[in-house]
Amino acid sequence: MNKAQLVDRLARQTKMTKSQSEAVLDATLDIIQKTVSRGDDVKIVGFGTFSSAIRKARLGRNPKTGEAVDIPGAKVPRFKAGKEFRDRLR
C-alpha cells in the first residue's frame, strides 16, 4: 500500500475528503518525526513505539576492493510493534 492508497482508505473509513485525510496523515507523520528526532518516544498503545537509537561506528569492507572502510555511528529511527499489532500478524 502506498500513501495515496492509505489516504483513500482513510477518507472512506472516516468519511472525510481525501484532502482532509491527507492533511491529517501528513500532520501525524510530521509530529512523529519531529518528536523522535528530538530524542523522545512516540507510544501508540496497541500499535507500537517509535524511537531513536544510536548505531555504533564499525569497520566495514568495500565489496569491490576488499579495503577496510570506517563506517561512522549514526542516530537511526526504530519501530517496535505493539502486542495487538503482532497478534494480528499471526
PDB file of N, CA and C in Angstrom:
ATOM      1  N   MET A   1       0.850  -1.171   0.000  1.00  0.00           N
ATOM      2  CA  MET A   1       0.000   0.000   0.000  1.00  0.00           C
ATOM      3  C   MET A   1       0.899   1.238   0.000  1.00  0.00           C
ATOM      4  N   ASN A   2       0.593   2.174  -0.869  1.00  0.00           N
ATOM      5  CA  ASN A   2       1.350   3.422  -0.898  1.00  0.00           C
ATOM      6  C   ASN A   2       0.548   4.525  -0.208  1.00  0.00           C
ATOM      7  N   LYS A   3       1.118   5.726  -0.161  1.00  0.00           N
ATOM      8  CA  LYS A   3       0.475   6.821   0.557  1.00  0.00           C
ATOM      9  C   LYS A   3      -0.893   7.173  -0.032  1.00  0.00           C
ATOM     10  N   ALA A   4      -1.001   7.199  -1.353  1.00  0.00           N
ATOM     11  CA  ALA A   4      -2.276   7.549  -1.996  1.00  0.00           C
ATOM     12  C   ALA A   4      -3.360   6.536  -1.630  1.00  0.00           C
ATOM     13  N   GLN A   5      -3.014   5.262  -1.605  1.00  0.00           N
ATOM     14  CA  GLN A   5      -3.975   4.227  -1.229  1.00  0.00           C
ATOM     15  C   GLN A   5      -4.371   4.353   0.241  1.00  0.00           C
ATOM     16  N   LEU A   6      -3.397   4.682   1.088  1.00  0.00           N
ATOM     17  CA  LEU A   6      -3.682   4.874   2.512  1.00  0.00           C
ATOM     18  C   LEU A   6      -4.605   6.062   2.721  1.00  0.00           C
ATOM     19  N   VAL A   7      -4.357   7.155   2.028  1.00  0.00           N
ATOM     20  CA  VAL A   7      -5.214   8.343   2.127  1.00  0.00           C
ATOM     21  C   VAL A   7      -6.625   8.005   1.665  1.00  0.00           C
ATOM     22  N   ASP A   8      -6.747   7.258   0.580  1.00  0.00           N
ATOM     23  CA  ASP A   8      -8.055   6.868   0.063  1.00  0.00           C
ATOM     24  C   ASP A   8      -8.833   6.038   1.087  1.00  0.00           C
ATOM     25  N   ARG A   9      -8.182   5.043   1.683  1.00  0.00           N
ATOM     26  CA  ARG A   9      -8.849   4.194   2.687  1.00  0.00           C
ATOM     27  C   ARG A   9      -9.190   4.981   3.938  1.00  0.00           C
ATOM     28  N   LEU A  10      -8.306   5.884   4.336  1.00  0.00           N
ATOM     29  CA  LEU A  10      -8.555   6.731   5.499  1.00  0.00           C
ATOM     30  C   LEU A  10      -9.773   7.623   5.252  1.00  0.00           C
ATOM     31  N   ALA A  11      -9.863   8.193   4.059  1.00  0.00           N
ATOM     32  CA  ALA A  11     -11.000   9.055   3.711  1.00  0.00           C
ATOM     33  C   ALA A  11     -12.312   8.265   3.742  1.00  0.00           C
ATOM     34  N   ARG A  12     -12.293   7.065   3.177  1.00  0.00           N
ATOM     35  CA  ARG A  12     -13.512   6.243   3.168  1.00  0.00           C
ATOM     36  C   ARG A  12     -13.930   5.850   4.583  1.00  0.00           C
ATOM     37  N   GLN A  13     -12.970   5.474   5.412  1.00  0.00           N
ATOM     38  CA  GLN A  13     -13.275   4.980   6.752  1.00  0.00           C
ATOM     39  C   GLN A  13     -13.721   6.099   7.692  1.00  0.00           C
ATOM     40  N   THR A  14     -13.200   7.311   7.501  1.00  0.00           N
ATOM     41  CA  THR A  14     -13.529   8.419   8.401  1.00  0.00           C
ATOM     42  C   THR A  14     -14.583   9.364   7.827  1.00  0.00           C
ATOM     43  N   LYS A  15     -14.984   9.128   6.585  1.00  0.00           N
ATOM     44  CA  LYS A  15     -15.964   9.973   5.887  1.00  0.00           C
ATOM     45  C   LYS A  15     -15.455  11.410   5.719  1.00  0.00           C
ATOM     46  N   MET A  16     -14.128  11.564   5.610  1.00  0.00           N
ATOM     47  CA  MET A  16     -13.524  12.864   5.335  1.00  0.00           C
ATOM     48  C   MET A  16     -13.165  12.908   3.855  1.00  0.00           C
ATOM     49  N   THR A  17     -12.864  14.107   3.373  1.00  0.00           N
ATOM     50  CA  THR A  17     -12.411  14.206   1.991  1.00  0.00           C
ATOM     51  C   THR A  17     -10.975  13.682   1.920  1.00  0.00           C
ATOM     52  N   LYS A  18     -10.527  13.401   0.698  1.00  0.00           N
ATOM     53  CA  LYS A  18      -9.157  12.927   0.528  1.00  0.00           C
ATOM     54  C   LYS A  18      -8.151  14.000   0.953  1.00  0.00           C
ATOM     55  N   SER A  19      -8.442  15.246   0.644  1.00  0.00           N
ATOM     56  CA  SER A  19      -7.504  16.313   1.019  1.00  0.00           C
ATOM     57  C   SER A  19      -7.438  16.476   2.539  1.00  0.00           C
ATOM     58  N   GLN A  20      -8.563  16.333   3.222  1.00  0.00           N
ATOM     59  CA  GLN A  20      -8.557  16.393   4.685  1.00  0.00           C
ATOM     60  C   GLN A  20      -7.789  15.206   5.263  1.00  0.00           C
ATOM     61  N   SER A  21      -8.013  14.036   4.707  1.00  0.00           N
ATOM     62  CA  SER A  21      -7.333  12.836   5.176  1.00  0.00           C
ATOM     63  C   SER A  21      -5.830  12.947   4.969  1.00  0.00           C
ATOM     64  N   GLU A  22      -5.432  13.474   3.815  1.00  0.00           N
ATOM     65  CA  GLU A  22      -4.003  13.629   3.545  1.00  0.00           C
ATOM     66  C   GLU A  22      -3.383  14.632   4.512  1.00  0.00           C
ATOM     67  N   ALA A  23      -4.108  15.698   4.824  1.00  0.00           N
ATOM     68  CA  ALA A  23      -3.597  16.702   5.769  1.00  0.00           C
ATOM     69  C   ALA A  23      -3.415  16.096   7.157  1.00  0.00           C
ATOM     70  N   VAL A  24      -4.363  15.279   7.588  1.00  0.00           N
ATOM     71  CA  VAL A  24      -4.269  14.622   8.895  1.00  0.00           C
ATOM     72  C   VAL A  24      -3.095  13.645   8.907  1.00  0.00           C
ATOM     73  N   LEU A  25      -2.954  12.860   7.864  1.00  0.00           N
ATOM     74  CA  LEU A  25      -1.853  11.897   7.785  1.00  0.00           C
ATOM     75  C   LEU A  25      -0.501  12.620   7.773  1.00  0.00           C
ATOM     76  N   ASP A  26      -0.377  13.664   6.964  1.00  0.00           N
ATOM     77  CA  ASP A  26       0.872  14.429   6.900  1.00  0.00           C
ATOM     78  C   ASP A  26       1.221  15.042   8.252  1.00  0.00           C
ATOM     79  N   ALA A  27       0.220  15.599   8.924  1.00  0.00           N
ATOM     80  CA  ALA A  27       0.457  16.209  10.239  1.00  0.00           C
ATOM     81  C   ALA A  27       0.882  15.155  11.258  1.00  0.00           C
ATOM     82  N   THR A  28       0.248  13.995  11.227  1.00  0.00           N
ATOM     83  CA  THR A  28       0.591  12.917  12.150  1.00  0.00           C
ATOM     84  C   THR A  28       2.022  12.448  11.937  1.00  0.00           C
ATOM     85  N   LEU A  29       2.387  12.206  10.697  1.00  0.00           N
ATOM     86  CA  LEU A  29       3.748  11.760  10.395  1.00  0.00           C
ATOM     87  C   LEU A  29       4.783  12.826  10.764  1.00  0.00           C
ATOM     88  N   ASP A  30       4.459  14.082  10.516  1.00  0.00           N
ATOM     89  CA  ASP A  30       5.367  15.185  10.849  1.00  0.00           C
ATOM     90  C   ASP A  30       5.584  15.258  12.363  1.00  0.00           C
ATOM     91  N   ILE A  31       4.514  15.116  13.131  1.00  0.00           N
ATOM     92  CA  ILE A  31       4.623  15.152  14.590  1.00  0.00           C
ATOM     93  C   ILE A  31       5.476  13.990  15.092  1.00  0.00           C
ATOM     94  N   ILE A  32       5.253  12.789  14.557  1.00  0.00           N
ATOM     95  CA  ILE A  32       6.039  11.626  14.962  1.00  0.00           C
ATOM     96  C   ILE A  32       7.512  11.846  14.634  1.00  0.00           C
ATOM     97  N   GLN A  33       7.817  12.311  13.424  1.00  0.00           N
ATOM     98  CA  GLN A  33       9.210  12.532  13.015  1.00  0.00           C
ATOM     99  C   GLN A  33       9.890  13.580  13.888  1.00  0.00           C
ATOM    100  N   LYS A  34       9.229  14.692  14.156  1.00  0.00           N
ATOM    101  CA  LYS A  34       9.826  15.746  14.976  1.00  0.00           C
ATOM    102  C   LYS A  34      10.048  15.272  16.413  1.00  0.00           C
ATOM    103  N   THR A  35       9.099  14.538  16.957  1.00  0.00           N
ATOM    104  CA  THR A  35       9.219  14.051  18.329  1.00  0.00           C
ATOM    105  C   THR A  35      10.367  13.066  18.465  1.00  0.00           C
ATOM    106  N   VAL A  36      10.459  12.114  17.545  1.00  0.00           N
ATOM    107  CA  VAL A  36      11.532  11.115  17.595  1.00  0.00           C
ATOM    108  C   VAL A  36      12.888  11.767  17.332  1.00  0.00           C
ATOM    109  N   SER A  37      12.948  12.754  16.451  1.00  0.00           N
ATOM    110  CA  SER A  37      14.226  13.407  16.170  1.00  0.00           C
ATOM    111  C   SER A  37      14.729  14.201  17.372  1.00  0.00           C
ATOM    112  N   ARG A  38      13.825  14.623  18.252  1.00  0.00           N
ATOM    113  CA  ARG A  38      14.223  15.298  19.494  1.00  0.00           C
ATOM    114  C   ARG A  38      14.730  14.309  20.536  1.00  0.00           C
ATOM    115  N   GLY A  39      14.551  13.016  20.284  1.00  0.00           N
ATOM    116  CA  GLY A  39      15.004  12.002  21.232  1.00  0.00           C
ATOM    117  C   GLY A  39      13.901  11.429  22.095  1.00  0.00           C
ATOM    118  N   ASP A  40      12.660  11.870  21.895  1.00  0.00           N
ATOM    119  CA  ASP A  40      11.527  11.349  22.661  1.00  0.00           C
ATOM    120  C   ASP A  40      10.876  10.194  21.909  1.00  0.00           C
ATOM    121  N   ASP A  41      10.198   9.328  22.642  1.00  0.00           N
ATOM    122  CA  ASP A  41       9.483   8.206  22.039  1.00  0.00           C
ATOM    123  C   ASP A  41       8.038   8.595  21.774  1.00  0.00           C
ATOM    124  N   VAL A  42       7.439   7.968  20.770  1.00  0.00           N
ATOM    125  CA  VAL A  42       6.008   8.105  20.499  1.00  0.00           C
ATOM    126  C   VAL A  42       5.403   6.724  20.682  1.00  0.00           C
ATOM    127  N   LYS A  43       4.564   6.575  21.719  1.00  0.00           N
ATOM    128  CA  LYS A  43       3.954   5.280  22.033  1.00  0.00           C
ATOM    129  C   LYS A  43       2.479   5.331  21.697  1.00  0.00           C
ATOM    130  N   ILE A  44       2.058   4.452  20.812  1.00  0.00           N
ATOM    131  CA  ILE A  44       0.651   4.346  20.434  1.00  0.00           C
ATOM    132  C   ILE A  44       0.198   2.969  20.905  1.00  0.00           C
ATOM    133  N   VAL A  45      -0.574   2.951  21.989  1.00  0.00           N
ATOM    134  CA  VAL A  45      -0.976   1.697  22.615  1.00  0.00           C
ATOM    135  C   VAL A  45      -1.690   0.807  21.599  1.00  0.00           C
ATOM    136  N   GLY A  46      -1.260  -0.439  21.518  1.00  0.00           N
ATOM    137  CA  GLY A  46      -1.853  -1.398  20.600  1.00  0.00           C
ATOM    138  C   GLY A  46      -1.217  -1.383  19.220  1.00  0.00           C
ATOM    139  N   PHE A  47      -0.520  -0.321  18.888  1.00  0.00           N
ATOM    140  CA  PHE A  47       0.128  -0.233  17.569  1.00  0.00           C
ATOM    141  C   PHE A  47       1.630  -0.418  17.694  1.00  0.00           C
ATOM    142  N   GLY A  48       2.296   0.461  18.450  1.00  0.00           N
ATOM    143  CA  GLY A  48       3.734   0.313  18.606  1.00  0.00           C
ATOM    144  C   GLY A  48       4.396   1.572  19.119  1.00  0.00           C
ATOM    145  N   THR A  49       5.721   1.515  19.170  1.00  0.00           N
ATOM    146  CA  THR A  49       6.519   2.619  19.686  1.00  0.00           C
ATOM    147  C   THR A  49       7.556   3.036  18.654  1.00  0.00           C
ATOM    148  N   PHE A  50       7.589   4.322  18.373  1.00  0.00           N
ATOM    149  CA  PHE A  50       8.608   4.911  17.507  1.00  0.00           C
ATOM    150  C   PHE A  50       9.668   5.512  18.424  1.00  0.00           C
ATOM    151  N   SER A  51      10.933   5.227  18.156  1.00  0.00           N
ATOM    152  CA  SER A  51      12.015   5.762  18.976  1.00  0.00           C
ATOM    153  C   SER A  51      13.254   5.949  18.109  1.00  0.00           C
ATOM    154  N   SER A  52      14.302   6.499  18.730  1.00  0.00           N
ATOM    155  CA  SER A  52      15.567   6.625  18.021  1.00  0.00           C
ATOM    156  C   SER A  52      16.613   5.830  18.785  1.00  0.00           C
ATOM    157  N   ALA A  53      17.637   5.395  18.078  1.00  0.00           N
ATOM    158  CA  ALA A  53      18.720   4.622  18.681  1.00  0.00           C
ATOM    159  C   ALA A  53      20.032   5.066  18.059  1.00  0.00           C
ATOM    160  N   ILE A  54      21.092   4.824  18.785  1.00  0.00           N
ATOM    161  CA  ILE A  54      22.427   5.140  18.288  1.00  0.00           C
ATOM    162  C   ILE A  54      23.048   3.859  17.736  1.00  0.00           C
ATOM    163  N   ARG A  55      23.436   3.901  16.481  1.00  0.00           N
ATOM    164  CA  ARG A  55      24.146   2.765  15.886  1.00  0.00           C
ATOM    165  C   ARG A  55      25.634   3.049  16.031  1.00  0.00           C
ATOM    166  N   LYS A  56      26.365   2.117  16.607  1.00  0.00           N
ATOM    167  CA  LYS A  56      27.793   2.301  16.854  1.00  0.00           C
ATOM    168  C   LYS A  56      28.580   2.356  15.552  1.00  0.00           C
ATOM    169  N   ALA A  57      29.710   3.046  15.630  1.00  0.00           N
ATOM    170  CA  ALA A  57      30.638   3.058  14.490  1.00  0.00           C
ATOM    171  C   ALA A  57      31.217   1.656  14.339  1.00  0.00           C
ATOM    172  N   ARG A  58      31.519   1.284  13.114  1.00  0.00           N
ATOM    173  CA  ARG A  58      32.041  -0.064  12.891  1.00  0.00           C
ATOM    174  C   ARG A  58      32.967  -0.073  11.679  1.00  0.00           C
ATOM    175  N   LEU A  59      33.661  -1.160  11.528  1.00  0.00           N
ATOM    176  CA  LEU A  59      34.561  -1.326  10.402  1.00  0.00           C
ATOM    177  C   LEU A  59      33.858  -2.190   9.352  1.00  0.00           C
ATOM    178  N   GLY A  60      33.778  -1.681   8.134  1.00  0.00           N
ATOM    179  CA  GLY A  60      33.166  -2.429   7.043  1.00  0.00           C
ATOM    180  C   GLY A  60      34.190  -2.712   5.960  1.00  0.00           C
ATOM    181  N   ARG A  61      33.739  -3.346   4.910  1.00  0.00           N
ATOM    182  CA  ARG A  61      34.620  -3.667   3.788  1.00  0.00           C
ATOM    183  C   ARG A  61      33.983  -3.191   2.495  1.00  0.00           C
ATOM    184  N   ASN A  62      34.816  -2.636   1.617  1.00  0.00           N
ATOM    185  CA  ASN A  62      34.370  -2.291   0.279  1.00  0.00           C
ATOM    186  C   ASN A  62      34.279  -3.618  -0.481  1.00  0.00           C
ATOM    187  N   PRO A  63      33.082  -4.008  -0.948  1.00  0.00           N
ATOM    188  CA  PRO A  63      32.939  -5.310  -1.600  1.00  0.00           C
ATOM    189  C   PRO A  63      33.752  -5.461  -2.885  1.00  0.00           C
ATOM    190  N   LYS A  64      34.036  -4.350  -3.559  1.00  0.00           N
ATOM    191  CA  LYS A  64      34.806  -4.421  -4.802  1.00  0.00           C
ATOM    192  C   LYS A  64      36.284  -4.663  -4.550  1.00  0.00           C
ATOM    193  N   THR A  65      36.833  -3.901  -3.602  1.00  0.00           N
ATOM    194  CA  THR A  65      38.278  -3.951  -3.393  1.00  0.00           C
ATOM    195  C   THR A  65      38.695  -4.742  -2.162  1.00  0.00           C
ATOM    196  N   GLY A  66      37.756  -4.974  -1.245  1.00  0.00           N
ATOM    197  CA  GLY A  66      38.086  -5.663  -0.001  1.00  0.00           C
ATOM    198  C   GLY A  66      38.745  -4.737   1.007  1.00  0.00           C
ATOM    199  N   GLU A  67      38.901  -3.476   0.645  1.00  0.00           N
ATOM    200  CA  GLU A  67      39.544  -2.494   1.515  1.00  0.00           C
ATOM    201  C   GLU A  67      38.667  -2.201   2.732  1.00  0.00           C
ATOM    202  N   ALA A  68      39.290  -2.055   3.906  1.00  0.00           N
ATOM    203  CA  ALA A  68      38.572  -1.722   5.137  1.00  0.00           C
ATOM    204  C   ALA A  68      38.077  -0.281   5.061  1.00  0.00           C
ATOM    205  N   VAL A  69      36.846  -0.073   5.508  1.00  0.00           N
ATOM    206  CA  VAL A  69      36.233   1.248   5.478  1.00  0.00           C
ATOM    207  C   VAL A  69      35.625   1.519   6.854  1.00  0.00           C
ATOM    208  N   ASP A  70      35.915   2.697   7.407  1.00  0.00           N
ATOM    209  CA  ASP A  70      35.288   3.088   8.664  1.00  0.00           C
ATOM    210  C   ASP A  70      33.867   3.573   8.381  1.00  0.00           C
ATOM    211  N   ILE A  71      32.891   2.969   9.064  1.00  0.00           N
ATOM    212  CA  ILE A  71      31.501   3.392   8.937  1.00  0.00           C
ATOM    213  C   ILE A  71      31.173   4.135  10.231  1.00  0.00           C
ATOM    214  N   PRO A  72      30.848   5.425  10.141  1.00  0.00           N
ATOM    215  CA  PRO A  72      30.608   6.203  11.363  1.00  0.00           C
ATOM    216  C   PRO A  72      29.307   5.788  12.050  1.00  0.00           C
ATOM    217  N   GLY A  73      29.219   6.073  13.337  1.00  0.00           N
ATOM    218  CA  GLY A  73      27.988   5.837  14.073  1.00  0.00           C
ATOM    219  C   GLY A  73      26.895   6.757  13.562  1.00  0.00           C
ATOM    220  N   ALA A  74      25.668   6.423  13.857  1.00  0.00           N
ATOM    221  CA  ALA A  74      24.558   7.234  13.375  1.00  0.00           C
ATOM    222  C   ALA A  74      23.357   7.102  14.311  1.00  0.00           C
ATOM    223  N   LYS A  75      22.534   8.120  14.308  1.00  0.00           N
ATOM    224  CA  LYS A  75      21.269   8.086  15.027  1.00  0.00           C
ATOM    225  C   LYS A  75      20.223   7.599  14.028  1.00  0.00           C
ATOM    226  N   VAL A  76      19.528   6.505  14.360  1.00  0.00           N
ATOM    227  CA  VAL A  76      18.596   5.897  13.416  1.00  0.00           C
ATOM    228  C   VAL A  76      17.213   5.729  14.053  1.00  0.00           C
ATOM    229  N   PRO A  77      16.150   5.756  13.242  1.00  0.00           N
ATOM    230  CA  PRO A  77      14.806   5.537  13.780  1.00  0.00           C
ATOM    231  C   PRO A  77      14.559   4.053  14.026  1.00  0.00           C
ATOM    232  N   ARG A  78      13.740   3.770  15.026  1.00  0.00           N
ATOM    233  CA  ARG A  78      13.358   2.394  15.342  1.00  0.00           C
ATOM    234  C   ARG A  78      11.844   2.340  15.511  1.00  0.00           C
ATOM    235  N   PHE A  79      11.267   1.172  15.214  1.00  0.00           N
ATOM    236  CA  PHE A  79       9.845   0.935  15.471  1.00  0.00           C
ATOM    237  C   PHE A  79       9.707  -0.434  16.092  1.00  0.00           C
ATOM    238  N   LYS A  80       8.991  -0.503  17.202  1.00  0.00           N
ATOM    239  CA  LYS A  80       8.714  -1.779  17.842  1.00  0.00           C
ATOM    240  C   LYS A  80       7.201  -1.952  17.857  1.00  0.00           C
ATOM    241  N   ALA A  81       6.727  -2.994  17.197  1.00  0.00           N
ATOM    242  CA  ALA A  81       5.291  -3.244  17.104  1.00  0.00           C
ATOM    243  C   ALA A  81       4.722  -3.605  18.470  1.00  0.00           C
ATOM    244  N   GLY A  82       3.511  -3.125  18.737  1.00  0.00           N
ATOM    245  CA  GLY A  82       2.813  -3.443  19.981  1.00  0.00           C
ATOM    246  C   GLY A  82       2.206  -4.838  19.918  1.00  0.00           C
ATOM    247  N   LYS A  83       1.732  -5.316  21.061  1.00  0.00           N
ATOM    248  CA  LYS A  83       1.194  -6.681  21.164  1.00  0.00           C
ATOM    249  C   LYS A  83       0.007  -6.914  20.227  1.00  0.00           C
ATOM    250  N   GLU A  84      -0.939  -5.967  20.203  1.00  0.00           N
ATOM    251  CA  GLU A  84      -2.117  -6.147  19.341  1.00  0.00           C
ATOM    252  C   GLU A  84      -1.718  -6.229  17.868  1.00  0.00           C
ATOM    253  N   PHE A  85      -0.759  -5.415  17.460  1.00  0.00           N
ATOM    254  CA  PHE A  85      -0.279  -5.417  16.079  1.00  0.00           C
ATOM    255  C   PHE A  85       0.379  -6.759  15.773  1.00  0.00           C
ATOM    256  N   ARG A  86       1.248  -7.214  16.659  1.00  0.00           N
ATOM    257  CA  ARG A  86       1.930  -8.506  16.453  1.00  0.00           C
ATOM    258  C   ARG A  86       0.917  -9.645  16.398  1.00  0.00           C
ATOM    259  N   ASP A  87      -0.097  -9.602  17.253  1.00  0.00           N
ATOM    260  CA  ASP A  87      -1.113 -10.654  17.288  1.00  0.00           C
ATOM    261  C   ASP A  87      -1.912 -10.720  15.985  1.00  0.00           C
ATOM    262  N   ARG A  88      -2.128  -9.591  15.326  1.00  0.00           N
ATOM    263  CA  ARG A  88      -2.860  -9.586  14.051  1.00  0.00           C
ATOM    264  C   ARG A  88      -2.095 -10.286  12.935  1.00  0.00           C
ATOM    265  N   LEU A  89      -0.777 -10.354  13.083  1.00  0.00           N
ATOM    266  CA  LEU A  89       0.052 -10.988  12.059  1.00  0.00           C
ATOM    267  C   LEU A  89       0.082 -12.501  12.183  1.00  0.00           C
ATOM    268  N   ARG A  90      -0.420 -13.019  13.257  1.00  0.00           N
ATOM    269  CA  ARG A  90      -0.403 -14.479  13.484  1.00  0.00           C
ATOM    270  C   ARG A  90      -1.583 -15.146  12.879  1.00  0.00           C
TER     271      ARG A  90
END
